[in-house]
Amino acid sequence: MERVIRPTARERLARRVTGSVWYRPVALGLTLGLLGLLAFELAIVAGQMQPASAGVDFHQYLAHTERWLAGGSLYLDRQLQGPYAIVAGDSLYPPTILYLTIPFVLGLPEILWWAIPITIIVGMSARHRPAPWTWPVMAAMLATPRAIEIVLYGNPVMWASAALAAGSIASRSGNDSAVPSPRSTTLRSIRRCFLMSFPASCAG
């Protein structure tokens, strides 16, 4: 005699919500509203930003890279003498950042510093086809002041986020043919949101 597995109260609620005709429209409406807020914030910040501040982090690391290529150190002298207080202009990333910055010192168009990681993040997000309830969550992450600063300043965290997004494809299980349960889909959505937001929230 086969055992009948009854859905839990949480699973029944999740199915009721996701099965509602309002589920996708509400998620889409919240997402568009948050993206509108993001555009409003960008317009205000960009209007008040000094021209020298645009891409300041990116240009700072180009200067560090040029110094290294000229035979100097990637880091400032005071950074190599022991503990120090971090100030603007310090080189805070490991030497592997040179793989990213050297091509731009050699003449790669600067716009690609933004275009490449943003394209990877958007492409990987679309590939995952996240659940509709995660759309406004991701839009809210983009609308945070720190995320806006990262993009406007050209912070290398964009590339870290892109690497995590690309890595999320490589880390997927090979059993893609199996039908995912509502719980597994929710857990994957939470994981993707975490992976996409962690660098933007916590990096310097």
Protein backbone atom coordinates (compact mmCIF):
# COMPACT_ATOMS: atom_id res chain seq x y z
CA MET A 1 0.00 0.00 0.00
CA GLU A 2 1.50 3.28 -1.09
CA ARG A 3 1.91 6.02 1.48
CA VAL A 4 0.16 9.27 0.61
CA ILE A 5 2.37 12.31 1.26
CA ARG A 6 0.24 15.30 2.15
CA PRO A 7 1.57 18.82 1.49
CA THR A 8 2.41 20.89 4.53
CA ALA A 9 0.56 24.09 5.38
CA ARG A 10 3.51 26.08 4.08
CA GLU A 11 3.51 24.22 0.77
CA ARG A 12 -0.25 24.70 0.41
CA LEU A 13 0.15 28.45 1.04
CA ALA A 14 3.02 28.68 -1.45
CA ARG A 15 0.98 26.92 -4.12
CA ARG A 16 -2.01 29.16 -3.43
CA VAL A 17 0.10 32.31 -3.79
CA THR A 18 2.05 31.22 -6.87
CA GLY A 19 -1.13 29.89 -8.46
CA SER A 20 -2.95 33.18 -8.09
CA VAL A 21 -3.68 35.21 -11.23
CA TRP A 22 -2.25 38.24 -9.39
CA TYR A 23 1.08 36.61 -8.55
CA ARG A 24 3.06 37.65 -11.63
CA PRO A 25 1.36 41.04 -12.19
CA VAL A 26 2.03 42.08 -8.58
CA ALA A 27 5.64 40.88 -8.73
CA LEU A 28 6.16 42.69 -12.04
CA GLY A 29 4.51 45.87 -10.74
CA LEU A 30 6.70 45.95 -7.63
CA THR A 31 9.79 45.29 -9.75
CA LEU A 32 9.00 48.10 -12.19
CA GLY A 33 8.28 50.45 -9.29
CA LEU A 34 11.64 49.69 -7.68
CA LEU A 35 13.43 50.06 -11.00
CA GLY A 36 11.72 53.42 -11.38
CA LEU A 37 13.04 54.36 -7.95
CA LEU A 38 16.50 53.27 -9.09
CA ALA A 39 16.28 55.49 -12.17
CA PHE A 40 15.15 58.41 -9.98
CA GLU A 41 18.05 57.86 -7.59
CA LEU A 42 20.53 57.62 -10.46
CA ALA A 43 19.25 60.88 -11.94
CA ILE A 44 19.70 62.67 -8.61
CA VAL A 45 23.12 61.21 -7.84
CA ALA A 46 24.46 61.65 -11.36
CA GLY A 47 23.27 65.26 -11.39
CA GLN A 48 25.09 66.05 -8.15
CA MET A 49 28.22 64.02 -8.86
CA GLN A 50 31.44 65.80 -9.74
CA PRO A 51 32.84 64.71 -13.13
CA ALA A 52 36.01 63.47 -11.44
CA SER A 53 33.95 61.11 -9.25
CA ALA A 54 32.58 59.09 -12.17
CA GLY A 55 34.59 55.87 -12.35
CA VAL A 56 36.89 57.05 -9.56
CA ASP A 57 37.53 53.52 -8.24
CA PHE A 58 38.28 52.22 -11.73
CA HIS A 59 40.72 55.03 -12.50
CA GLN A 60 42.36 54.60 -9.10
CA TYR A 61 43.21 50.98 -9.92
CA LEU A 62 44.41 51.96 -13.37
CA ALA A 63 46.89 54.29 -11.65
CA HIS A 64 48.02 51.49 -9.33
CA THR A 65 48.46 49.21 -12.35
CA GLU A 66 50.48 51.79 -14.26
CA ARG A 67 52.77 52.15 -11.25
CA TRP A 68 53.23 48.37 -11.11
CA LEU A 69 53.97 48.15 -14.85
CA ALA A 70 56.60 50.87 -14.40
CA GLY A 71 58.43 48.67 -11.88
CA GLY A 72 56.78 49.89 -8.69
CA SER A 73 54.45 48.18 -6.23
CA LEU A 74 50.75 47.64 -6.64
CA TYR A 75 50.41 48.88 -3.06
CA LEU A 76 51.53 52.11 -1.42
CA ASP A 77 54.63 52.03 0.77
CA ARG A 78 52.70 52.63 3.98
CA GLN A 79 50.50 49.62 3.17
CA LEU A 80 53.56 47.37 3.25
CA GLN A 81 54.91 48.52 6.61
CA GLY A 82 52.38 46.76 8.84
CA PRO A 83 48.88 47.60 10.06
CA TYR A 84 47.52 50.87 8.69
CA ALA A 85 44.33 52.92 8.55
CA ILE A 86 42.56 52.65 5.21
CA VAL A 87 42.14 55.95 3.37
CA ALA A 88 40.87 56.89 -0.08
CA GLY A 89 43.30 55.86 -2.79
CA ASP A 90 44.62 52.71 -1.10
CA SER A 91 44.93 49.55 -3.19
CA LEU A 92 42.68 47.07 -1.42
CA TYR A 93 42.44 44.12 -3.82
CA PRO A 94 44.84 41.18 -4.26
CA PRO A 95 47.36 41.19 -7.13
CA THR A 96 45.02 39.08 -9.27
CA ILE A 97 43.13 42.28 -10.05
CA LEU A 98 45.93 42.99 -12.52
CA TYR A 99 44.37 40.43 -14.87
CA LEU A 100 41.42 42.81 -15.14
CA THR A 101 43.18 46.17 -15.15
CA ILE A 102 46.22 45.58 -17.39
CA PRO A 103 44.13 45.22 -20.58
CA PHE A 104 42.54 48.61 -19.88
CA VAL A 105 45.92 50.23 -19.27
CA LEU A 106 47.00 48.81 -22.63
CA GLY A 107 44.09 50.45 -24.40
CA LEU A 108 40.92 48.40 -23.98
CA PRO A 109 37.91 50.78 -24.15
CA GLU A 110 36.94 51.87 -20.64
CA ILE A 111 33.23 51.37 -21.24
CA LEU A 112 33.89 47.61 -21.27
CA TRP A 113 34.81 47.81 -17.56
CA TRP A 114 31.08 48.29 -16.95
CA ALA A 115 29.60 46.54 -19.98
CA ILE A 116 31.22 43.13 -19.47
CA PRO A 117 30.26 42.41 -15.82
CA ILE A 118 26.80 43.93 -16.17
CA THR A 119 26.12 41.82 -19.27
CA ILE A 120 27.27 38.67 -17.44
CA ILE A 121 25.08 39.40 -14.42
CA VAL A 122 22.00 40.15 -16.54
CA GLY A 123 22.62 37.14 -18.78
CA MET A 124 23.08 34.70 -15.92
CA SER A 125 20.02 36.07 -14.13
CA ALA A 126 17.92 35.55 -17.26
CA ARG A 127 19.34 32.05 -17.71
CA HIS A 128 18.28 31.04 -14.20
CA ARG A 129 14.70 32.22 -14.81
CA PRO A 130 14.22 33.22 -11.17
CA ALA A 131 10.83 32.89 -9.52
CA PRO A 132 8.64 36.01 -9.86
CA TRP A 133 8.77 36.75 -6.13
CA THR A 134 12.52 37.27 -6.45
CA TRP A 135 12.15 39.98 -9.14
CA PRO A 136 11.31 42.79 -6.69
CA VAL A 137 13.91 41.45 -4.25
CA MET A 138 16.66 41.77 -6.86
CA ALA A 139 15.34 45.17 -7.95
CA ALA A 140 15.45 46.35 -4.32
CA MET A 141 19.07 45.21 -4.10
CA LEU A 142 19.93 47.25 -7.19
CA ALA A 143 18.23 50.31 -5.72
CA THR A 144 20.39 50.39 -2.58
CA PRO A 145 22.80 53.36 -2.29
CA ARG A 146 25.82 51.04 -2.11
CA ALA A 147 24.89 49.23 -5.34
CA ILE A 148 24.50 52.59 -7.10
CA GLU A 149 27.90 53.73 -5.82
CA ILE A 150 29.55 50.52 -7.04
CA VAL A 151 28.30 51.10 -10.59
CA LEU A 152 28.92 54.85 -10.76
CA TYR A 153 32.40 54.58 -9.24
CA GLY A 154 33.35 51.53 -11.31
CA ASN A 155 34.18 49.49 -8.23
CA PRO A 156 35.79 46.09 -8.96
CA VAL A 157 33.01 44.45 -6.96
CA MET A 158 31.06 44.48 -10.23
CA TRP A 159 33.49 41.87 -11.53
CA ALA A 160 33.24 39.83 -8.32
CA SER A 161 29.46 39.79 -8.69
CA ALA A 162 29.79 38.76 -12.32
CA ALA A 163 32.15 35.92 -11.34
CA LEU A 164 29.67 34.66 -8.75
CA ALA A 165 26.86 34.87 -11.28
CA ALA A 166 28.85 32.87 -13.83
CA GLY A 167 29.91 30.41 -11.13
CA SER A 168 26.29 29.76 -10.23
CA ILE A 169 25.89 28.08 -13.63
CA ALA A 170 28.94 25.87 -13.15
CA SER A 171 27.79 24.80 -9.68
CA ARG A 172 24.38 23.57 -10.79
CA SER A 173 23.56 19.93 -10.38
CA GLY A 174 23.71 17.76 -13.46
CA ASN A 175 20.23 16.40 -12.75
CA ASP A 176 18.41 19.15 -14.66
CA SER A 177 15.79 16.77 -16.00
CA ALA A 178 14.23 16.24 -12.60
CA VAL A 179 11.16 18.33 -11.83
CA PRO A 180 12.11 20.69 -8.97
CA SER A 181 9.91 20.84 -5.92
CA PRO A 182 8.52 24.20 -4.71
CA ARG A 183 10.89 24.05 -1.75
CA SER A 184 14.00 23.40 -3.87
CA THR A 185 13.02 26.20 -6.27
CA THR A 186 12.62 28.60 -3.35
CA LEU A 187 15.96 27.62 -1.84
CA ARG A 188 17.72 28.11 -5.18
CA SER A 189 16.09 31.53 -5.58
CA ILE A 190 17.27 32.57 -2.11
CA ARG A 191 20.78 31.33 -2.90
CA ARG A 192 20.90 33.26 -6.16
CA CYS A 193 19.70 36.44 -4.47
CA PHE A 194 22.37 36.01 -1.81
CA LEU A 195 25.13 35.37 -4.35
CA MET A 196 24.15 38.39 -6.43
CA SER A 197 23.79 40.75 -3.47
CA PHE A 198 26.58 39.72 -1.07
CA PRO A 199 29.47 41.52 -2.84
CA ALA A 200 27.42 44.67 -3.37
CA SER A 201 26.42 44.76 0.29
CA CYS A 202 29.64 43.84 2.03
CA ALA A 203 32.63 44.71 -0.14
CA GLY A 204 34.69 47.80 0.36
